[in-house]
Amino acid sequence: MIDWQTAIALMIVTGAAGALCYRGWKTVFATPSTGCGTQCSQCPSSMPQNPHSRQLVQLGNESPNSMD
């Protein structure tokens, strides 16, 4: 008979192995899709552009030799 600590450890290891097998199965037999694969329409490229949204400004790409 096994003690309760060994039983818990075996359940954790079995669960982790099952999760790895599931992810491997999904990776091998996945259907090709666009985007992240969830098809939830939440990607920035699929969202409509808001005319009131602000433009992002990127800072800090200056050359270190500029003296301006």
PDB file of N, CA and C in Angstrom:
ATOM      1  N   MET A   1       0.840  -1.162   0.000  1.00  0.00           N
ATOM      2  CA  MET A   1       0.000   0.000   0.000  1.00  0.00           C
ATOM      3  C   MET A   1       0.899   1.244   0.000  1.00  0.00           C
ATOM      4  N   ILE A   2       0.498   2.273  -0.775  1.00  0.00           N
ATOM      5  CA  ILE A   2       1.297   3.495  -0.838  1.00  0.00           C
ATOM      6  C   ILE A   2       0.741   4.541   0.134  1.00  0.00           C
ATOM      7  N   ASP A   3       1.611   5.388   0.612  1.00  0.00           N
ATOM      8  CA  ASP A   3       1.151   6.423   1.538  1.00  0.00           C
ATOM      9  C   ASP A   3       0.527   7.596   0.768  1.00  0.00           C
ATOM     10  N   TRP A   4      -0.064   8.536   1.480  1.00  0.00           N
ATOM     11  CA  TRP A   4      -0.813   9.608   0.830  1.00  0.00           C
ATOM     12  C   TRP A   4       0.094  10.574   0.072  1.00  0.00           C
ATOM     13  N   GLN A   5       1.336  10.747   0.500  1.00  0.00           N
ATOM     14  CA  GLN A   5       2.252  11.643  -0.201  1.00  0.00           C
ATOM     15  C   GLN A   5       2.639  11.088  -1.568  1.00  0.00           C
ATOM     16  N   THR A   6       2.856   9.792  -1.625  1.00  0.00           N
ATOM     17  CA  THR A   6       3.180   9.160  -2.903  1.00  0.00           C
ATOM     18  C   THR A   6       1.985   9.223  -3.843  1.00  0.00           C
ATOM     19  N   ALA A   7       0.799   9.017  -3.318  1.00  0.00           N
ATOM     20  CA  ALA A   7      -0.405   9.083  -4.151  1.00  0.00           C
ATOM     21  C   ALA A   7      -0.595  10.489  -4.720  1.00  0.00           C
ATOM     22  N   ILE A   8      -0.385  11.526  -3.906  1.00  0.00           N
ATOM     23  CA  ILE A   8      -0.509  12.905  -4.378  1.00  0.00           C
ATOM     24  C   ILE A   8       0.545  13.193  -5.440  1.00  0.00           C
ATOM     25  N   ALA A   9       1.777  12.753  -5.204  1.00  0.00           N
ATOM     26  CA  ALA A   9       2.851  12.968  -6.171  1.00  0.00           C
ATOM     27  C   ALA A   9       2.545  12.281  -7.498  1.00  0.00           C
ATOM     28  N   LEU A  10       2.030  11.063  -7.439  1.00  0.00           N
ATOM     29  CA  LEU A  10       1.670  10.350  -8.670  1.00  0.00           C
ATOM     30  C   LEU A  10       0.534  11.054  -9.407  1.00  0.00           C
ATOM     31  N   MET A  11      -0.432  11.603  -8.685  1.00  0.00           N
ATOM     32  CA  MET A  11      -1.526  12.327  -9.342  1.00  0.00           C
ATOM     33  C   MET A  11      -1.001  13.592 -10.028  1.00  0.00           C
ATOM     34  N   ILE A  12      -0.070  14.299  -9.374  1.00  0.00           N
ATOM     35  CA  ILE A  12       0.504  15.503  -9.982  1.00  0.00           C
ATOM     36  C   ILE A  12       1.295  15.162 -11.238  1.00  0.00           C
ATOM     37  N   VAL A  13       2.115  14.125 -11.159  1.00  0.00           N
ATOM     38  CA  VAL A  13       2.913  13.711 -12.313  1.00  0.00           C
ATOM     39  C   VAL A  13       2.000  13.236 -13.451  1.00  0.00           C
ATOM     40  N   THR A  14       0.958  12.491 -13.126  1.00  0.00           N
ATOM     41  CA  THR A  14       0.029  12.018 -14.149  1.00  0.00           C
ATOM     42  C   THR A  14      -0.706  13.188 -14.796  1.00  0.00           C
ATOM     43  N   GLY A  15      -1.114  14.168 -13.992  1.00  0.00           N
ATOM     44  CA  GLY A  15      -1.785  15.343 -14.544  1.00  0.00           C
ATOM     45  C   GLY A  15      -0.874  16.145 -15.455  1.00  0.00           C
ATOM     46  N   ALA A  16       0.382  16.321 -15.049  1.00  0.00           N
ATOM     47  CA  ALA A  16       1.339  17.053 -15.878  1.00  0.00           C
ATOM     48  C   ALA A  16       1.612  16.313 -17.187  1.00  0.00           C
ATOM     49  N   ALA A  17       1.763  15.001 -17.127  1.00  0.00           N
ATOM     50  CA  ALA A  17       1.980  14.211 -18.340  1.00  0.00           C
ATOM     51  C   ALA A  17       0.764  14.293 -19.253  1.00  0.00           C
ATOM     52  N   GLY A  18      -0.433  14.258 -18.668  1.00  0.00           N
ATOM     53  CA  GLY A  18      -1.647  14.388 -19.474  1.00  0.00           C
ATOM     54  C   GLY A  18      -1.739  15.741 -20.144  1.00  0.00           C
ATOM     55  N   ALA A  19      -1.375  16.809 -19.432  1.00  0.00           N
ATOM     56  CA  ALA A  19      -1.407  18.148 -20.017  1.00  0.00           C
ATOM     57  C   ALA A  19      -0.407  18.257 -21.169  1.00  0.00           C
ATOM     58  N   LEU A  20       0.784  17.688 -21.002  1.00  0.00           N
ATOM     59  CA  LEU A  20       1.773  17.711 -22.079  1.00  0.00           C
ATOM     60  C   LEU A  20       1.299  16.919 -23.296  1.00  0.00           C
ATOM     61  N   CYS A  21       0.697  15.780 -23.061  1.00  0.00           N
ATOM     62  CA  CYS A  21       0.173  14.978 -24.173  1.00  0.00           C
ATOM     63  C   CYS A  21      -0.939  15.720 -24.892  1.00  0.00           C
ATOM     64  N   TYR A  22      -1.808  16.369 -24.155  1.00  0.00           N
ATOM     65  CA  TYR A  22      -2.910  17.120 -24.751  1.00  0.00           C
ATOM     66  C   TYR A  22      -2.377  18.262 -25.618  1.00  0.00           C
ATOM     67  N   ARG A  23      -1.409  19.023 -25.084  1.00  0.00           N
ATOM     68  CA  ARG A  23      -0.851  20.128 -25.862  1.00  0.00           C
ATOM     69  C   ARG A  23      -0.109  19.615 -27.096  1.00  0.00           C
ATOM     70  N   GLY A  24       0.596  18.518 -26.962  1.00  0.00           N
ATOM     71  CA  GLY A  24       1.267  17.929 -28.113  1.00  0.00           C
ATOM     72  C   GLY A  24       0.284  17.466 -29.165  1.00  0.00           C
ATOM     73  N   TRP A  25      -0.803  16.857 -28.744  1.00  0.00           N
ATOM     74  CA  TRP A  25      -1.848  16.394 -29.660  1.00  0.00           C
ATOM     75  C   TRP A  25      -2.434  17.581 -30.415  1.00  0.00           C
ATOM     76  N   LYS A  26      -2.747  18.652 -29.697  1.00  0.00           N
ATOM     77  CA  LYS A  26      -3.317  19.833 -30.334  1.00  0.00           C
ATOM     78  C   LYS A  26      -2.321  20.484 -31.291  1.00  0.00           C
ATOM     79  N   THR A  27      -1.029  20.444 -30.966  1.00  0.00           N
ATOM     80  CA  THR A  27      -0.029  21.033 -31.841  1.00  0.00           C
ATOM     81  C   THR A  27       0.113  20.230 -33.124  1.00  0.00           C
ATOM     82  N   VAL A  28       0.133  18.925 -33.014  1.00  0.00           N
ATOM     83  CA  VAL A  28       0.333  18.079 -34.179  1.00  0.00           C
ATOM     84  C   VAL A  28      -0.902  18.085 -35.079  1.00  0.00           C
ATOM     85  N   PHE A  29      -2.077  18.028 -34.495  1.00  0.00           N
ATOM     86  CA  PHE A  29      -3.297  17.906 -35.287  1.00  0.00           C
ATOM     87  C   PHE A  29      -4.106  19.191 -35.337  1.00  0.00           C
ATOM     88  N   ALA A  30      -3.450  20.340 -35.174  1.00  0.00           N
ATOM     89  CA  ALA A  30      -4.156  21.625 -35.201  1.00  0.00           C
ATOM     90  C   ALA A  30      -4.559  21.980 -36.627  1.00  0.00           C
ATOM     91  N   THR A  31      -5.703  22.638 -36.748  1.00  0.00           N
ATOM     92  CA  THR A  31      -6.136  23.131 -38.047  1.00  0.00           C
ATOM     93  C   THR A  31      -5.495  24.497 -38.259  1.00  0.00           C
ATOM     94  N   PRO A  32      -5.017  24.772 -39.464  1.00  0.00           N
ATOM     95  CA  PRO A  32      -4.386  26.072 -39.706  1.00  0.00           C
ATOM     96  C   PRO A  32      -5.408  27.196 -39.598  1.00  0.00           C
ATOM     97  N   SER A  33      -5.011  28.276 -38.943  1.00  0.00           N
ATOM     98  CA  SER A  33      -5.891  29.426 -38.792  1.00  0.00           C
ATOM     99  C   SER A  33      -5.059  30.695 -38.816  1.00  0.00           C
ATOM    100  N   THR A  34      -5.721  31.807 -38.884  1.00  0.00           N
ATOM    101  CA  THR A  34      -5.025  33.083 -38.867  1.00  0.00           C
ATOM    102  C   THR A  34      -5.050  33.655 -37.462  1.00  0.00           C
ATOM    103  N   GLY A  35      -4.143  34.549 -37.185  1.00  0.00           N
ATOM    104  CA  GLY A  35      -4.112  35.194 -35.880  1.00  0.00           C
ATOM    105  C   GLY A  35      -3.593  34.267 -34.817  1.00  0.00           C
ATOM    106  N   CYS A  36      -4.152  34.409 -33.621  1.00  0.00           N
ATOM    107  CA  CYS A  36      -3.678  33.615 -32.494  1.00  0.00           C
ATOM    108  C   CYS A  36      -4.349  32.247 -32.431  1.00  0.00           C
ATOM    109  N   GLY A  37      -5.342  32.009 -33.253  1.00  0.00           N
ATOM    110  CA  GLY A  37      -5.985  30.711 -33.301  1.00  0.00           C
ATOM    111  C   GLY A  37      -7.256  30.596 -32.499  1.00  0.00           C
ATOM    112  N   THR A  38      -7.616  31.632 -31.748  1.00  0.00           N
ATOM    113  CA  THR A  38      -8.822  31.527 -30.945  1.00  0.00           C
ATOM    114  C   THR A  38     -10.054  32.029 -31.681  1.00  0.00           C
ATOM    115  N   GLN A  39      -9.856  32.769 -32.771  1.00  0.00           N
ATOM    116  CA  GLN A  39     -10.948  33.294 -33.600  1.00  0.00           C
ATOM    117  C   GLN A  39     -11.961  34.070 -32.766  1.00  0.00           C
ATOM    118  N   CYS A  40     -11.459  34.934 -31.883  1.00  0.00           N
ATOM    119  CA  CYS A  40     -12.343  35.680 -30.998  1.00  0.00           C
ATOM    120  C   CYS A  40     -12.574  37.103 -31.487  1.00  0.00           C
ATOM    121  N   SER A  41     -11.953  37.520 -32.579  1.00  0.00           N
ATOM    122  CA  SER A  41     -12.077  38.856 -33.162  1.00  0.00           C
ATOM    123  C   SER A  41     -11.558  39.934 -32.226  1.00  0.00           C
ATOM    124  N   GLN A  42     -10.623  39.630 -31.357  1.00  0.00           N
ATOM    125  CA  GLN A  42     -10.058  40.604 -30.446  1.00  0.00           C
ATOM    126  C   GLN A  42      -8.661  41.049 -30.869  1.00  0.00           C
ATOM    127  N   CYS A  43      -8.182  40.609 -32.006  1.00  0.00           N
ATOM    128  CA  CYS A  43      -6.870  41.026 -32.485  1.00  0.00           C
ATOM    129  C   CYS A  43      -6.929  42.485 -32.917  1.00  0.00           C
ATOM    130  N   PRO A  44      -5.856  43.242 -32.709  1.00  0.00           N
ATOM    131  CA  PRO A  44      -5.864  44.644 -33.122  1.00  0.00           C
ATOM    132  C   PRO A  44      -6.095  44.823 -34.616  1.00  0.00           C
ATOM    133  N   SER A  45      -5.651  43.867 -35.433  1.00  0.00           N
ATOM    134  CA  SER A  45      -5.841  44.010 -36.873  1.00  0.00           C
ATOM    135  C   SER A  45      -7.291  43.812 -37.289  1.00  0.00           C
ATOM    136  N   SER A  46      -8.101  43.127 -36.499  1.00  0.00           N
ATOM    137  CA  SER A  46      -9.493  42.897 -36.864  1.00  0.00           C
ATOM    138  C   SER A  46     -10.444  43.893 -36.224  1.00  0.00           C
ATOM    139  N   MET A  47      -9.923  44.758 -35.341  1.00  0.00           N
ATOM    140  CA  MET A  47     -10.770  45.747 -34.678  1.00  0.00           C
ATOM    141  C   MET A  47     -10.926  46.982 -35.568  1.00  0.00           C
ATOM    142  N   PRO A  48     -12.092  47.599 -35.578  1.00  0.00           N
ATOM    143  CA  PRO A  48     -12.268  48.815 -36.364  1.00  0.00           C
ATOM    144  C   PRO A  48     -11.450  49.955 -35.766  1.00  0.00           C
ATOM    145  N   GLN A  49     -10.949  50.830 -36.635  1.00  0.00           N
ATOM    146  CA  GLN A  49     -10.144  51.956 -36.185  1.00  0.00           C
ATOM    147  C   GLN A  49     -11.040  53.057 -35.641  1.00  0.00           C
ATOM    148  N   ASN A  50     -10.722  53.556 -34.479  1.00  0.00           N
ATOM    149  CA  ASN A  50     -11.463  54.633 -33.847  1.00  0.00           C
ATOM    150  C   ASN A  50     -10.857  55.954 -34.304  1.00  0.00           C
ATOM    151  N   PRO A  51     -11.638  56.872 -34.877  1.00  0.00           N
ATOM    152  CA  PRO A  51     -11.069  58.136 -35.341  1.00  0.00           C
ATOM    153  C   PRO A  51     -10.594  59.014 -34.184  1.00  0.00           C
ATOM    154  N   HIS A  52     -11.032  58.758 -32.965  1.00  0.00           N
ATOM    155  CA  HIS A  52     -10.640  59.557 -31.817  1.00  0.00           C
ATOM    156  C   HIS A  52      -9.454  58.956 -31.057  1.00  0.00           C
ATOM    157  N   SER A  53      -8.905  57.867 -31.564  1.00  0.00           N
ATOM    158  CA  SER A  53      -7.778  57.246 -30.875  1.00  0.00           C
ATOM    159  C   SER A  53      -6.513  58.058 -31.115  1.00  0.00           C
ATOM    160  N   ARG A  54      -5.601  58.032 -30.174  1.00  0.00           N
ATOM    161  CA  ARG A  54      -4.355  58.779 -30.257  1.00  0.00           C
ATOM    162  C   ARG A  54      -3.286  57.949 -30.953  1.00  0.00           C
ATOM    163  N   GLN A  55      -2.405  58.619 -31.638  1.00  0.00           N
ATOM    164  CA  GLN A  55      -1.271  57.969 -32.265  1.00  0.00           C
ATOM    165  C   GLN A  55      -0.199  57.725 -31.213  1.00  0.00           C
ATOM    166  N   LEU A  56       0.467  56.606 -31.278  1.00  0.00           N
ATOM    167  CA  LEU A  56       1.558  56.300 -30.365  1.00  0.00           C
ATOM    168  C   LEU A  56       2.839  56.947 -30.872  1.00  0.00           C
ATOM    169  N   VAL A  57       3.605  57.503 -29.975  1.00  0.00           N
ATOM    170  CA  VAL A  57       4.869  58.138 -30.323  1.00  0.00           C
ATOM    171  C   VAL A  57       5.985  57.328 -29.685  1.00  0.00           C
ATOM    172  N   GLN A  58       6.963  56.950 -30.502  1.00  0.00           N
ATOM    173  CA  GLN A  58       8.083  56.167 -30.000  1.00  0.00           C
ATOM    174  C   GLN A  58       9.244  57.105 -29.704  1.00  0.00           C
ATOM    175  N   LEU A  59       9.800  57.001 -28.518  1.00  0.00           N
ATOM    176  CA  LEU A  59      10.892  57.863 -28.091  1.00  0.00           C
ATOM    177  C   LEU A  59      12.182  57.072 -27.941  1.00  0.00           C
ATOM    178  N   GLY A  60      13.299  57.755 -28.099  1.00  0.00           N
ATOM    179  CA  GLY A  60      14.575  57.153 -27.750  1.00  0.00           C
ATOM    180  C   GLY A  60      15.294  56.435 -28.854  1.00  0.00           C
ATOM    181  N   ASN A  61      15.030  56.698 -30.122  1.00  0.00           N
ATOM    182  CA  ASN A  61      15.753  56.031 -31.200  1.00  0.00           C
ATOM    183  C   ASN A  61      16.749  56.975 -31.863  1.00  0.00           C
ATOM    184  N   GLU A  62      17.298  57.908 -31.110  1.00  0.00           N
ATOM    185  CA  GLU A  62      18.258  58.846 -31.656  1.00  0.00           C
ATOM    186  C   GLU A  62      19.655  58.249 -31.594  1.00  0.00           C
ATOM    187  N   SER A  63      20.497  58.770 -32.461  1.00  0.00           N
ATOM    188  CA  SER A  63      21.887  58.345 -32.459  1.00  0.00           C
ATOM    189  C   SER A  63      22.606  58.930 -31.242  1.00  0.00           C
ATOM    190  N   PRO A  64      23.484  58.216 -30.579  1.00  0.00           N
ATOM    191  CA  PRO A  64      24.180  58.747 -29.410  1.00  0.00           C
ATOM    192  C   PRO A  64      25.145  59.883 -29.773  1.00  0.00           C
ATOM    193  N   ASN A  65      25.470  60.069 -31.070  1.00  0.00           N
ATOM    194  CA  ASN A  65      26.402  61.109 -31.489  1.00  0.00           C
ATOM    195  C   ASN A  65      25.732  62.433 -31.805  1.00  0.00           C
ATOM    196  N   SER A  66      24.398  62.497 -31.747  1.00  0.00           N
ATOM    197  CA  SER A  66      23.730  63.748 -32.093  1.00  0.00           C
ATOM    198  C   SER A  66      23.875  64.742 -30.945  1.00  0.00           C
ATOM    199  N   MET A  67      24.123  65.997 -31.272  1.00  0.00           N
ATOM    200  CA  MET A  67      24.334  67.037 -30.275  1.00  0.00           C
ATOM    201  C   MET A  67      23.193  68.031 -30.248  1.00  0.00           C
ATOM    202  N   ASP A  68      22.049  67.709 -30.720  1.00  0.00           N
ATOM    203  CA  ASP A  68      20.912  68.637 -30.777  1.00  0.00           C
ATOM    204  C   ASP A  68      20.273  68.834 -29.450  1.00  0.00           C
TER     205      ASP A  68
END
